[in-house]
Amino acid sequence: MIDVLIVDDQELMRAGFRMILEAQGDIRVVAEAGDGEAALTAAGESNPDVVLMDIRMPRMDGVEATRRMRDRKVLILTTFDHDEYVVEALRAGASGFLLKDAPPEELVRAVRIVAAGEALLAPTVTRRLLDRVAARLPSTRRRPALLDDLTERERDVLQLVARGCSNSEIAERLHITEATVKTHVSHVLDKLGLRDRVQAVVLAYEAGLVAPGELD
């Protein structure tokens, strides 16, 4: 059973998410919160497997709340109108993000993916959103020295991860097996001290390995 905490300042939105999730046999909503401060308390009391976190909320926003619960799996709920906050949320430790108007089946799938410890980066809409967010990064980017520790193939893999490619797509493009891709991704994360693919994407954009408009 996947325990979920829903955090959103709109009660109607929380009710909608609860109805969708509790219709599943393997998901239950253990708590709700209307702002970041309440979310921290609720997370401590209910110990959820996944936190659905809105970004724009009173008292404490979703970015700061995510930063304060880095040991938890947080799925950011956003809209294109608020996409400037997404990179900050990912830097704060979020495991991925989902548009609020996504179909119910995508919400359920996202919760299951994040609960399994994977990063939510694959959907095409996510690629477009990452590209829009990346365009807001400073034009002068500092290349981390740690990138020099990567092999040429590992840098190739990191670039494709940042472009939103799945392991199978990377394998096809580089003419290697998916198992080899997984090994390369693991080495990249270890060498760069990153938790998951989400953090790898943010670093790749900030370092200039991938530029806005290069996602196709």
N, C-alpha and C. Protein backbone atom coordinates (compact mmCIF):
# COMPACT_ATOMS: atom_id res chain seq x y z
N MET A 1 0.84 -1.20 0.00
CA MET A 1 0.00 0.00 0.00
C MET A 1 0.88 1.25 0.00
N ILE A 2 0.54 2.21 -0.86
CA ILE A 2 1.28 3.47 -0.96
C ILE A 2 0.52 4.53 -0.18
N ASP A 3 1.14 5.07 0.87
CA ASP A 3 0.52 6.12 1.68
C ASP A 3 0.88 7.49 1.11
N VAL A 4 -0.12 8.33 0.92
CA VAL A 4 0.08 9.63 0.26
C VAL A 4 -0.40 10.77 1.16
N LEU A 5 0.38 11.84 1.19
CA LEU A 5 0.01 13.10 1.82
C LEU A 5 -0.27 14.11 0.71
N ILE A 6 -1.45 14.72 0.72
CA ILE A 6 -1.82 15.72 -0.29
C ILE A 6 -1.68 17.11 0.30
N VAL A 7 -0.89 17.96 -0.36
CA VAL A 7 -0.66 19.32 0.13
C VAL A 7 -1.08 20.32 -0.95
N ASP A 8 -2.14 21.06 -0.67
CA ASP A 8 -2.64 22.06 -1.62
C ASP A 8 -3.53 23.02 -0.84
N ASP A 9 -3.45 24.31 -1.15
CA ASP A 9 -4.24 25.28 -0.39
C ASP A 9 -5.69 25.33 -0.84
N GLN A 10 -6.05 24.61 -1.89
CA GLN A 10 -7.43 24.58 -2.36
C GLN A 10 -8.09 23.27 -1.93
N GLU A 11 -9.09 23.37 -1.07
CA GLU A 11 -9.76 22.18 -0.54
C GLU A 11 -10.39 21.35 -1.64
N LEU A 12 -10.96 22.01 -2.64
CA LEU A 12 -11.60 21.29 -3.74
C LEU A 12 -10.57 20.48 -4.52
N MET A 13 -9.37 21.04 -4.71
CA MET A 13 -8.31 20.33 -5.41
C MET A 13 -7.88 19.10 -4.62
N ARG A 14 -7.73 19.26 -3.30
CA ARG A 14 -7.34 18.13 -2.46
C ARG A 14 -8.39 17.02 -2.53
N ALA A 15 -9.65 17.42 -2.51
CA ALA A 15 -10.74 16.44 -2.57
C ALA A 15 -10.70 15.67 -3.88
N GLY A 16 -10.40 16.36 -4.96
CA GLY A 16 -10.31 15.70 -6.26
C GLY A 16 -9.19 14.69 -6.33
N PHE A 17 -8.02 15.10 -5.82
CA PHE A 17 -6.88 14.19 -5.80
C PHE A 17 -7.17 12.97 -4.93
N ARG A 18 -7.80 13.23 -3.78
CA ARG A 18 -8.12 12.12 -2.86
C ARG A 18 -9.07 11.12 -3.55
N MET A 19 -10.08 11.61 -4.22
CA MET A 19 -11.06 10.74 -4.88
C MET A 19 -10.38 9.86 -5.93
N ILE A 20 -9.48 10.47 -6.72
CA ILE A 20 -8.78 9.73 -7.77
C ILE A 20 -7.88 8.66 -7.17
N LEU A 21 -7.10 9.03 -6.16
CA LEU A 21 -6.12 8.11 -5.59
C LEU A 21 -6.77 6.99 -4.79
N GLU A 22 -7.81 7.32 -4.03
CA GLU A 22 -8.42 6.30 -3.18
C GLU A 22 -9.29 5.34 -3.97
N ALA A 23 -9.48 5.60 -5.26
CA ALA A 23 -10.19 4.65 -6.12
C ALA A 23 -9.28 3.49 -6.51
N GLN A 24 -7.98 3.65 -6.21
CA GLN A 24 -7.00 2.61 -6.53
C GLN A 24 -6.86 1.66 -5.34
N GLY A 25 -6.66 0.41 -5.62
CA GLY A 25 -6.55 -0.56 -4.54
C GLY A 25 -5.24 -0.53 -3.79
N ASP A 26 -4.22 0.11 -4.39
CA ASP A 26 -2.90 0.09 -3.77
C ASP A 26 -2.46 1.45 -3.23
N ILE A 27 -3.36 2.43 -3.20
CA ILE A 27 -3.01 3.78 -2.75
C ILE A 27 -4.04 4.24 -1.71
N ARG A 28 -3.56 4.89 -0.65
CA ARG A 28 -4.48 5.49 0.31
C ARG A 28 -3.94 6.85 0.73
N VAL A 29 -4.83 7.79 0.93
CA VAL A 29 -4.47 9.13 1.38
C VAL A 29 -4.49 9.13 2.90
N VAL A 30 -3.33 9.35 3.52
CA VAL A 30 -3.23 9.27 4.98
C VAL A 30 -3.36 10.63 5.65
N ALA A 31 -3.21 11.73 4.88
CA ALA A 31 -3.33 13.06 5.47
C ALA A 31 -3.44 14.11 4.37
N GLU A 32 -3.93 15.29 4.76
CA GLU A 32 -3.99 16.45 3.87
C GLU A 32 -3.43 17.67 4.61
N ALA A 33 -2.96 18.65 3.84
CA ALA A 33 -2.47 19.89 4.44
C ALA A 33 -2.73 21.03 3.46
N GLY A 34 -2.97 22.23 4.01
CA GLY A 34 -3.30 23.37 3.17
C GLY A 34 -2.17 24.34 2.93
N ASP A 35 -1.00 24.09 3.57
CA ASP A 35 0.17 24.93 3.34
C ASP A 35 1.41 24.16 3.76
N GLY A 36 2.59 24.76 3.50
CA GLY A 36 3.84 24.07 3.77
C GLY A 36 4.08 23.75 5.23
N GLU A 37 3.74 24.68 6.10
CA GLU A 37 3.96 24.44 7.53
C GLU A 37 3.11 23.27 8.01
N ALA A 38 1.85 23.25 7.62
CA ALA A 38 0.97 22.15 8.00
C ALA A 38 1.45 20.84 7.39
N ALA A 39 2.06 20.93 6.21
CA ALA A 39 2.56 19.73 5.54
C ALA A 39 3.69 19.08 6.33
N LEU A 40 4.58 19.90 6.91
CA LEU A 40 5.68 19.36 7.71
C LEU A 40 5.15 18.60 8.91
N THR A 41 4.15 19.18 9.58
CA THR A 41 3.55 18.50 10.73
C THR A 41 2.86 17.22 10.31
N ALA A 42 2.08 17.29 9.24
CA ALA A 42 1.34 16.12 8.76
C ALA A 42 2.27 15.00 8.32
N ALA A 43 3.38 15.38 7.68
CA ALA A 43 4.34 14.36 7.23
C ALA A 43 4.96 13.64 8.42
N GLY A 44 5.26 14.40 9.47
CA GLY A 44 5.85 13.80 10.65
C GLY A 44 4.88 12.85 11.35
N GLU A 45 3.60 13.18 11.31
CA GLU A 45 2.59 12.35 12.00
C GLU A 45 2.14 11.15 11.18
N SER A 46 2.09 11.29 9.85
CA SER A 46 1.52 10.23 9.02
C SER A 46 2.57 9.40 8.28
N ASN A 47 3.81 9.91 8.19
CA ASN A 47 4.91 9.19 7.55
C ASN A 47 4.53 8.65 6.17
N PRO A 48 4.16 9.53 5.24
CA PRO A 48 3.71 9.09 3.91
C PRO A 48 4.85 8.57 3.05
N ASP A 49 4.51 7.71 2.09
CA ASP A 49 5.49 7.23 1.12
C ASP A 49 5.72 8.27 0.03
N VAL A 50 4.68 9.02 -0.31
CA VAL A 50 4.75 10.06 -1.34
C VAL A 50 4.01 11.29 -0.87
N VAL A 51 4.58 12.46 -1.13
CA VAL A 51 3.92 13.74 -0.82
C VAL A 51 3.57 14.42 -2.13
N LEU A 52 2.27 14.69 -2.36
CA LEU A 52 1.84 15.50 -3.49
C LEU A 52 1.89 16.95 -3.04
N MET A 53 2.78 17.74 -3.62
CA MET A 53 3.06 19.08 -3.10
C MET A 53 2.75 20.17 -4.11
N ASP A 54 1.81 21.04 -3.76
CA ASP A 54 1.57 22.23 -4.56
C ASP A 54 2.72 23.21 -4.34
N ILE A 55 2.92 24.14 -5.25
CA ILE A 55 4.02 25.09 -5.11
C ILE A 55 3.57 26.39 -4.46
N ARG A 56 2.54 27.01 -5.00
CA ARG A 56 2.10 28.31 -4.51
C ARG A 56 1.10 28.13 -3.38
N MET A 57 1.55 28.40 -2.14
CA MET A 57 0.68 28.26 -0.96
C MET A 57 1.02 29.34 0.05
N PRO A 58 0.09 29.68 0.94
CA PRO A 58 0.36 30.68 1.98
C PRO A 58 1.27 30.12 3.07
N ARG A 59 1.78 31.03 3.90
CA ARG A 59 2.65 30.73 5.04
C ARG A 59 3.99 30.12 4.62
N MET A 60 4.00 28.96 4.01
CA MET A 60 5.22 28.36 3.50
C MET A 60 4.92 27.70 2.16
N ASP A 61 5.68 28.06 1.12
CA ASP A 61 5.38 27.49 -0.19
C ASP A 61 5.92 26.07 -0.32
N GLY A 62 5.59 25.44 -1.45
CA GLY A 62 5.97 24.06 -1.67
C GLY A 62 7.46 23.84 -1.82
N VAL A 63 8.17 24.85 -2.33
CA VAL A 63 9.62 24.72 -2.50
C VAL A 63 10.30 24.60 -1.14
N GLU A 64 9.97 25.50 -0.23
CA GLU A 64 10.59 25.47 1.10
C GLU A 64 10.17 24.21 1.87
N ALA A 65 8.91 23.82 1.74
CA ALA A 65 8.45 22.61 2.42
C ALA A 65 9.19 21.39 1.90
N THR A 66 9.41 21.34 0.59
CA THR A 66 10.16 20.23 -0.01
C THR A 66 11.59 20.21 0.50
N ARG A 67 12.19 21.40 0.59
CA ARG A 67 13.57 21.51 1.09
C ARG A 67 13.69 20.96 2.51
N ARG A 68 12.64 21.16 3.31
CA ARG A 68 12.69 20.73 4.71
C ARG A 68 12.32 19.27 4.91
N MET A 69 11.88 18.62 3.85
CA MET A 69 11.58 17.19 3.97
C MET A 69 12.32 16.41 2.88
N ARG A 70 13.61 16.64 2.80
CA ARG A 70 14.43 16.04 1.74
C ARG A 70 14.49 14.52 1.83
N ASP A 71 14.19 13.96 2.99
CA ASP A 71 14.22 12.50 3.13
C ASP A 71 12.94 11.85 2.61
N ARG A 72 12.01 12.66 2.11
CA ARG A 72 10.75 12.10 1.61
C ARG A 72 10.66 12.24 0.09
N LYS A 73 9.83 11.40 -0.50
CA LYS A 73 9.62 11.44 -1.94
C LYS A 73 8.50 12.44 -2.23
N VAL A 74 8.87 13.53 -2.88
CA VAL A 74 7.92 14.62 -3.13
C VAL A 74 7.63 14.73 -4.62
N LEU A 75 6.36 14.73 -4.96
CA LEU A 75 5.91 14.93 -6.33
C LEU A 75 5.27 16.30 -6.41
N ILE A 76 5.91 17.20 -7.14
CA ILE A 76 5.44 18.59 -7.23
C ILE A 76 4.26 18.69 -8.20
N LEU A 77 3.22 19.39 -7.77
CA LEU A 77 2.06 19.68 -8.62
C LEU A 77 2.19 21.11 -9.13
N THR A 78 2.12 21.30 -10.41
CA THR A 78 2.37 22.62 -10.96
C THR A 78 1.48 22.91 -12.15
N THR A 79 1.57 24.12 -12.64
CA THR A 79 0.90 24.53 -13.88
C THR A 79 1.94 25.27 -14.71
N PHE A 80 1.66 25.43 -15.99
CA PHE A 80 2.60 26.17 -16.84
C PHE A 80 2.76 27.61 -16.37
N ASP A 81 1.74 28.14 -15.70
CA ASP A 81 1.82 29.51 -15.21
C ASP A 81 2.87 29.67 -14.10
N HIS A 82 3.18 28.56 -13.43
CA HIS A 82 4.11 28.61 -12.30
C HIS A 82 5.41 27.88 -12.59
N ASP A 83 5.74 27.68 -13.87
CA ASP A 83 6.87 26.83 -14.18
C ASP A 83 8.22 27.41 -13.75
N GLU A 84 8.25 28.71 -13.40
CA GLU A 84 9.52 29.29 -12.95
C GLU A 84 9.96 28.72 -11.60
N TYR A 85 9.04 28.09 -10.90
CA TYR A 85 9.36 27.53 -9.59
C TYR A 85 9.86 26.09 -9.66
N VAL A 86 9.73 25.47 -10.82
CA VAL A 86 10.01 24.04 -10.91
C VAL A 86 11.47 23.72 -10.64
N VAL A 87 12.39 24.47 -11.24
CA VAL A 87 13.81 24.18 -11.01
C VAL A 87 14.17 24.32 -9.54
N GLU A 88 13.62 25.34 -8.89
CA GLU A 88 13.90 25.50 -7.46
C GLU A 88 13.36 24.32 -6.67
N ALA A 89 12.20 23.81 -7.06
CA ALA A 89 11.64 22.65 -6.37
C ALA A 89 12.51 21.41 -6.59
N LEU A 90 13.02 21.25 -7.80
CA LEU A 90 13.88 20.10 -8.08
C LEU A 90 15.20 20.22 -7.32
N ARG A 91 15.74 21.44 -7.27
CA ARG A 91 16.96 21.66 -6.47
C ARG A 91 16.69 21.33 -5.00
N ALA A 92 15.49 21.61 -4.55
CA ALA A 92 15.15 21.40 -3.14
C ALA A 92 15.00 19.92 -2.80
N GLY A 93 14.96 19.06 -3.82
CA GLY A 93 14.91 17.63 -3.56
C GLY A 93 13.69 16.90 -4.06
N ALA A 94 12.84 17.56 -4.86
CA ALA A 94 11.66 16.89 -5.38
C ALA A 94 12.06 15.75 -6.32
N SER A 95 11.24 14.71 -6.35
CA SER A 95 11.52 13.55 -7.19
C SER A 95 10.89 13.67 -8.58
N GLY A 96 10.16 14.73 -8.81
CA GLY A 96 9.55 14.93 -10.10
C GLY A 96 8.40 15.91 -10.00
N PHE A 97 7.72 16.14 -11.12
CA PHE A 97 6.59 17.06 -11.09
C PHE A 97 5.55 16.66 -12.11
N LEU A 98 4.33 17.09 -11.85
CA LEU A 98 3.20 16.72 -12.67
C LEU A 98 2.29 17.94 -12.82
N LEU A 99 1.75 18.12 -14.01
CA LEU A 99 0.82 19.23 -14.22
C LEU A 99 -0.50 18.93 -13.54
N LYS A 100 -1.09 19.96 -12.92
CA LYS A 100 -2.33 19.77 -12.17
C LYS A 100 -3.48 19.31 -13.04
N ASP A 101 -3.46 19.64 -14.31
CA ASP A 101 -4.56 19.25 -15.19
C ASP A 101 -4.29 17.95 -15.93
N ALA A 102 -3.31 17.18 -15.45
CA ALA A 102 -3.01 15.89 -16.07
C ALA A 102 -4.20 14.94 -15.88
N PRO A 103 -4.39 14.01 -16.79
CA PRO A 103 -5.48 13.04 -16.64
C PRO A 103 -5.30 12.21 -15.37
N PRO A 104 -6.39 11.73 -14.80
CA PRO A 104 -6.30 10.95 -13.55
C PRO A 104 -5.32 9.78 -13.63
N GLU A 105 -5.28 9.09 -14.77
CA GLU A 105 -4.38 7.95 -14.88
C GLU A 105 -2.92 8.37 -14.80
N GLU A 106 -2.60 9.59 -15.24
CA GLU A 106 -1.22 10.07 -15.14
C GLU A 106 -0.85 10.38 -13.70
N LEU A 107 -1.80 10.91 -12.93
CA LEU A 107 -1.56 11.18 -11.52
C LEU A 107 -1.27 9.87 -10.79
N VAL A 108 -2.09 8.87 -11.03
CA VAL A 108 -1.90 7.57 -10.38
C VAL A 108 -0.55 6.97 -10.77
N ARG A 109 -0.25 7.03 -12.06
CA ARG A 109 1.03 6.48 -12.54
C ARG A 109 2.20 7.22 -11.91
N ALA A 110 2.09 8.54 -11.79
CA ALA A 110 3.17 9.34 -11.22
C ALA A 110 3.42 8.97 -9.76
N VAL A 111 2.35 8.78 -9.01
CA VAL A 111 2.49 8.41 -7.60
C VAL A 111 3.20 7.06 -7.48
N ARG A 112 2.83 6.13 -8.31
CA ARG A 112 3.45 4.80 -8.27
C ARG A 112 4.92 4.85 -8.66
N ILE A 113 5.25 5.66 -9.66
CA ILE A 113 6.63 5.78 -10.11
C ILE A 113 7.50 6.36 -9.00
N VAL A 114 7.04 7.47 -8.39
CA VAL A 114 7.81 8.12 -7.34
C VAL A 114 7.92 7.21 -6.11
N ALA A 115 6.84 6.50 -5.78
CA ALA A 115 6.87 5.59 -4.63
C ALA A 115 7.90 4.49 -4.83
N ALA A 116 8.11 4.11 -6.08
CA ALA A 116 9.07 3.05 -6.38
C ALA A 116 10.51 3.56 -6.36
N GLY A 117 10.67 4.86 -6.10
CA GLY A 117 12.02 5.41 -6.01
C GLY A 117 12.58 5.91 -7.32
N GLU A 118 11.73 6.03 -8.33
CA GLU A 118 12.19 6.52 -9.63
C GLU A 118 11.84 7.99 -9.79
N ALA A 119 12.54 8.64 -10.71
CA ALA A 119 12.27 10.06 -10.98
C ALA A 119 11.26 10.18 -12.11
N LEU A 120 10.35 11.12 -11.98
CA LEU A 120 9.32 11.31 -13.00
C LEU A 120 9.80 12.35 -14.01
N LEU A 121 10.35 11.86 -15.14
CA LEU A 121 10.90 12.77 -16.14
C LEU A 121 10.48 12.43 -17.56
N ALA A 122 9.84 11.31 -17.75
CA ALA A 122 9.65 10.79 -19.10
C ALA A 122 8.61 11.49 -19.96
N PRO A 123 7.45 11.91 -19.43
CA PRO A 123 6.40 12.41 -20.32
C PRO A 123 6.85 13.59 -21.19
N THR A 124 6.31 13.62 -22.39
CA THR A 124 6.65 14.69 -23.33
C THR A 124 6.39 16.06 -22.73
N VAL A 125 5.30 16.20 -22.00
CA VAL A 125 4.98 17.50 -21.41
C VAL A 125 6.07 17.92 -20.43
N THR A 126 6.69 16.95 -19.77
CA THR A 126 7.78 17.25 -18.85
C THR A 126 8.98 17.79 -19.60
N ARG A 127 9.25 17.21 -20.76
CA ARG A 127 10.37 17.70 -21.57
C ARG A 127 10.14 19.17 -21.97
N ARG A 128 8.91 19.49 -22.38
CA ARG A 128 8.63 20.87 -22.77
C ARG A 128 8.76 21.80 -21.57
N LEU A 129 8.29 21.35 -20.43
CA LEU A 129 8.35 22.18 -19.23
C LEU A 129 9.80 22.40 -18.81
N LEU A 130 10.61 21.36 -18.86
CA LEU A 130 12.04 21.49 -18.53
C LEU A 130 12.70 22.50 -19.47
N ASP A 131 12.34 22.44 -20.74
CA ASP A 131 12.93 23.34 -21.71
C ASP A 131 12.56 24.79 -21.39
N ARG A 132 11.31 25.02 -21.01
CA ARG A 132 10.87 26.38 -20.68
C ARG A 132 11.57 26.88 -19.42
N VAL A 133 11.70 26.00 -18.45
CA VAL A 133 12.36 26.38 -17.21
C VAL A 133 13.83 26.66 -17.46
N ALA A 134 14.46 25.83 -18.27
CA ALA A 134 15.89 26.00 -18.54
C ALA A 134 16.18 27.35 -19.19
N ALA A 135 15.23 27.86 -19.96
CA ALA A 135 15.44 29.14 -20.62
C ALA A 135 15.57 30.28 -19.61
N ARG A 136 15.15 30.04 -18.37
CA ARG A 136 15.21 31.08 -17.34
C ARG A 136 16.52 31.04 -16.55
N LEU A 137 17.35 30.01 -16.81
CA LEU A 137 18.60 29.92 -16.07
C LEU A 137 19.56 31.02 -16.53
N PRO A 138 20.52 31.42 -15.69
CA PRO A 138 21.48 32.46 -16.07
C PRO A 138 22.24 32.08 -17.33
N SER A 139 22.55 33.09 -18.14
CA SER A 139 23.26 32.81 -19.39
C SER A 139 24.71 32.40 -19.14
N THR A 140 25.28 32.82 -18.04
CA THR A 140 26.65 32.43 -17.69
C THR A 140 26.58 31.28 -16.69
N ARG A 141 26.95 30.10 -17.13
CA ARG A 141 26.86 28.92 -16.29
C ARG A 141 28.25 28.40 -15.96
N ARG A 142 28.39 27.94 -14.74
CA ARG A 142 29.68 27.44 -14.28
C ARG A 142 29.70 25.92 -14.43
N ARG A 143 30.69 25.41 -15.15
CA ARG A 143 30.81 23.97 -15.38
C ARG A 143 31.43 23.33 -14.15
N PRO A 144 30.70 22.45 -13.47
CA PRO A 144 31.26 21.80 -12.29
C PRO A 144 32.51 20.99 -12.62
N ALA A 145 33.53 21.08 -11.78
CA ALA A 145 34.77 20.35 -12.02
C ALA A 145 34.53 18.85 -12.05
N LEU A 146 33.49 18.40 -11.33
CA LEU A 146 33.21 16.97 -11.28
C LEU A 146 32.87 16.39 -12.65
N LEU A 147 32.40 17.23 -13.58
CA LEU A 147 32.08 16.73 -14.91
C LEU A 147 33.31 16.20 -15.61
N ASP A 148 34.48 16.70 -15.23
CA ASP A 148 35.72 16.24 -15.84
C ASP A 148 36.03 14.80 -15.47
N ASP A 149 35.37 14.30 -14.41
CA ASP A 149 35.60 12.91 -13.99
C ASP A 149 34.79 11.93 -14.82
N LEU A 150 33.85 12.44 -15.62
CA LEU A 150 33.03 11.57 -16.44
C LEU A 150 33.75 11.16 -17.71
N THR A 151 33.51 9.94 -18.15
CA THR A 151 34.04 9.51 -19.44
C THR A 151 33.20 10.15 -20.55
N GLU A 152 33.68 10.08 -21.77
CA GLU A 152 32.94 10.66 -22.89
C GLU A 152 31.57 10.01 -23.03
N ARG A 153 31.52 8.69 -22.85
CA ARG A 153 30.25 7.99 -22.96
C ARG A 153 29.30 8.38 -21.83
N GLU A 154 29.83 8.56 -20.63
CA GLU A 154 29.00 8.98 -19.50
C GLU A 154 28.43 10.37 -19.72
N ARG A 155 29.22 11.26 -20.34
CA ARG A 155 28.70 12.60 -20.65
C ARG A 155 27.59 12.51 -21.70
N ASP A 156 27.77 11.60 -22.68
CA ASP A 156 26.73 11.40 -23.69
C ASP A 156 25.42 10.95 -23.03
N VAL A 157 25.55 10.01 -22.10
CA VAL A 157 24.37 9.49 -21.40
C VAL A 157 23.72 10.59 -20.57
N LEU A 158 24.53 11.39 -19.87
CA LEU A 158 23.98 12.48 -19.06
C LEU A 158 23.21 13.47 -19.93
N GLN A 159 23.72 13.81 -21.10
CA GLN A 159 23.04 14.73 -21.99
C GLN A 159 21.68 14.17 -22.43
N LEU A 160 21.64 12.88 -22.73
CA LEU A 160 20.39 12.27 -23.18
C LEU A 160 19.39 12.15 -22.03
N VAL A 161 19.88 11.87 -20.83
CA VAL A 161 19.01 11.87 -19.65
C VAL A 161 18.39 13.25 -19.49
N ALA A 162 19.21 14.29 -19.65
CA ALA A 162 18.73 15.67 -19.49
C ALA A 162 17.72 16.05 -20.57
N ARG A 163 17.78 15.38 -21.70
CA ARG A 163 16.81 15.65 -22.76
C ARG A 163 15.52 14.86 -22.59
N GLY A 164 15.43 14.13 -21.47
CA GLY A 164 14.20 13.41 -21.16
C GLY A 164 14.11 12.04 -21.77
N CYS A 165 15.23 11.50 -22.26
CA CYS A 165 15.20 10.18 -22.89
C CYS A 165 15.12 9.07 -21.84
N SER A 166 14.37 8.04 -22.14
CA SER A 166 14.30 6.87 -21.28
C SER A 166 15.54 6.01 -21.52
N ASN A 167 15.73 5.00 -20.68
CA ASN A 167 16.88 4.11 -20.86
C ASN A 167 16.84 3.41 -22.21
N SER A 168 15.65 3.01 -22.64
CA SER A 168 15.54 2.32 -23.94
C SER A 168 15.87 3.27 -25.09
N GLU A 169 15.45 4.53 -24.97
CA GLU A 169 15.76 5.51 -26.02
C GLU A 169 17.25 5.81 -26.07
N ILE A 170 17.88 5.90 -24.89
CA ILE A 170 19.32 6.13 -24.84
C ILE A 170 20.07 4.96 -25.45
N ALA A 171 19.62 3.75 -25.13
CA ALA A 171 20.26 2.54 -25.66
C ALA A 171 20.19 2.53 -27.19
N GLU A 172 19.03 2.91 -27.71
CA GLU A 172 18.86 2.92 -29.16
C GLU A 172 19.75 3.97 -29.82
N ARG A 173 19.83 5.15 -29.22
CA ARG A 173 20.62 6.22 -29.82
C ARG A 173 22.12 5.93 -29.77
N LEU A 174 22.57 5.30 -28.70
CA LEU A 174 24.01 5.05 -28.53
C LEU A 174 24.41 3.65 -28.96
N HIS A 175 23.42 2.86 -29.41
CA HIS A 175 23.68 1.50 -29.89
C HIS A 175 24.34 0.64 -28.81
N ILE A 176 23.76 0.69 -27.62
CA ILE A 176 24.22 -0.12 -26.51
C ILE A 176 22.99 -0.75 -25.85
N THR A 177 23.19 -1.66 -24.91
CA THR A 177 22.07 -2.31 -24.25
C THR A 177 21.51 -1.43 -23.13
N GLU A 178 20.26 -1.71 -22.74
CA GLU A 178 19.67 -0.97 -21.63
C GLU A 178 20.43 -1.22 -20.33
N ALA A 179 20.95 -2.43 -20.17
CA ALA A 179 21.72 -2.75 -18.97
C ALA A 179 22.96 -1.87 -18.89
N THR A 180 23.59 -1.65 -20.04
CA THR A 180 24.78 -0.78 -20.08
C THR A 180 24.40 0.65 -19.77
N VAL A 181 23.24 1.09 -20.27
CA VAL A 181 22.77 2.44 -19.97
C VAL A 181 22.58 2.61 -18.47
N LYS A 182 21.93 1.63 -17.83
CA LYS A 182 21.71 1.70 -16.39
C LYS A 182 23.02 1.79 -15.63
N THR A 183 24.02 1.06 -16.10
CA THR A 183 25.34 1.11 -15.46
C THR A 183 25.95 2.49 -15.60
N HIS A 184 25.86 3.06 -16.81
CA HIS A 184 26.41 4.41 -17.04
C HIS A 184 25.69 5.44 -16.18
N VAL A 185 24.37 5.35 -16.11
CA VAL A 185 23.60 6.31 -15.30
C VAL A 185 24.02 6.20 -13.83
N SER A 186 24.17 4.98 -13.35
CA SER A 186 24.59 4.77 -11.96
C SER A 186 25.95 5.39 -11.70
N HIS A 187 26.88 5.21 -12.65
CA HIS A 187 28.22 5.79 -12.50
C HIS A 187 28.17 7.32 -12.50
N VAL A 188 27.33 7.88 -13.37
CA VAL A 188 27.20 9.34 -13.43
C VAL A 188 26.69 9.89 -12.10
N LEU A 189 25.64 9.26 -11.57
CA LEU A 189 25.07 9.73 -10.30
C LEU A 189 26.10 9.62 -9.17
N ASP A 190 26.83 8.51 -9.14
CA ASP A 190 27.83 8.31 -8.08
C ASP A 190 28.95 9.34 -8.18
N LYS A 191 29.46 9.54 -9.39
CA LYS A 191 30.58 10.47 -9.58
C LYS A 191 30.20 11.91 -9.27
N LEU A 192 28.96 12.27 -9.58
CA LEU A 192 28.51 13.65 -9.38
C LEU A 192 27.84 13.87 -8.03
N GLY A 193 27.70 12.79 -7.26
CA GLY A 193 27.08 12.91 -5.95
C GLY A 193 25.62 13.29 -6.02
N LEU A 194 24.91 12.74 -7.00
CA LEU A 194 23.50 13.07 -7.22
C LEU A 194 22.61 11.94 -6.74
N ARG A 195 21.40 12.30 -6.30
CA ARG A 195 20.47 11.30 -5.78
C ARG A 195 19.75 10.54 -6.88
N ASP A 196 19.36 11.26 -7.94
CA ASP A 196 18.55 10.60 -8.97
C ASP A 196 18.65 11.37 -10.29
N ARG A 197 17.88 10.92 -11.28
CA ARG A 197 17.92 11.51 -12.61
C ARG A 197 17.42 12.94 -12.62
N VAL A 198 16.52 13.27 -11.73
CA VAL A 198 16.01 14.65 -11.66
C VAL A 198 17.16 15.61 -11.38
N GLN A 199 17.95 15.29 -10.37
CA GLN A 199 19.08 16.16 -10.04
C GLN A 199 20.10 16.19 -11.18
N ALA A 200 20.23 15.08 -11.90
CA ALA A 200 21.15 15.04 -13.04
C ALA A 200 20.69 16.00 -14.14
N VAL A 201 19.38 16.07 -14.35
CA VAL A 201 18.84 16.98 -15.36
C VAL A 201 19.13 18.43 -14.99
N VAL A 202 18.87 18.79 -13.75
CA VAL A 202 19.11 20.17 -13.31
C VAL A 202 20.58 20.52 -13.47
N LEU A 203 21.47 19.64 -13.04
CA LEU A 203 22.90 19.92 -13.17
C LEU A 203 23.31 20.08 -14.63
N ALA A 204 22.80 19.22 -15.51
CA ALA A 204 23.16 19.28 -16.92
C ALA A 204 22.75 20.61 -17.54
N TYR A 205 21.56 21.11 -17.18
CA TYR A 205 21.14 22.41 -17.70
C TYR A 205 22.00 23.52 -17.12
N GLU A 206 22.24 23.47 -15.82
CA GLU A 206 23.02 24.54 -15.18
C GLU A 206 24.46 24.57 -15.70
N ALA A 207 24.98 23.39 -16.06
CA ALA A 207 26.36 23.33 -16.55
C ALA A 207 26.46 23.65 -18.03
N GLY A 208 25.31 23.77 -18.70
CA GLY A 208 25.32 24.08 -20.12
C GLY A 208 25.52 22.88 -21.01
N LEU A 209 25.42 21.65 -20.46
CA LEU A 209 25.56 20.46 -21.30
C LEU A 209 24.38 20.34 -22.24
N VAL A 210 23.23 20.84 -21.81
CA VAL A 210 22.04 20.86 -22.64
C VAL A 210 21.50 22.28 -22.62
N ALA A 211 21.15 22.79 -23.78
CA ALA A 211 20.63 24.15 -23.89
C ALA A 211 19.16 24.10 -24.23
N PRO A 212 18.40 25.14 -23.87
CA PRO A 212 16.98 25.20 -24.23
C PRO A 212 16.82 25.02 -25.73
N GLY A 213 15.84 24.21 -26.14
CA GLY A 213 15.60 23.97 -27.55
C GLY A 213 16.27 22.74 -28.08
N GLU A 214 17.00 22.00 -27.23
CA GLU A 214 17.71 20.82 -27.67
C GLU A 214 17.03 19.52 -27.26
N LEU A 215 15.74 19.58 -26.96
CA LEU A 215 15.08 18.39 -26.42
C LEU A 215 14.59 17.43 -27.50
N ASP A 216 14.57 17.81 -28.73
CA ASP A 216 14.05 16.92 -29.76
C ASP A 216 15.14 16.01 -30.27
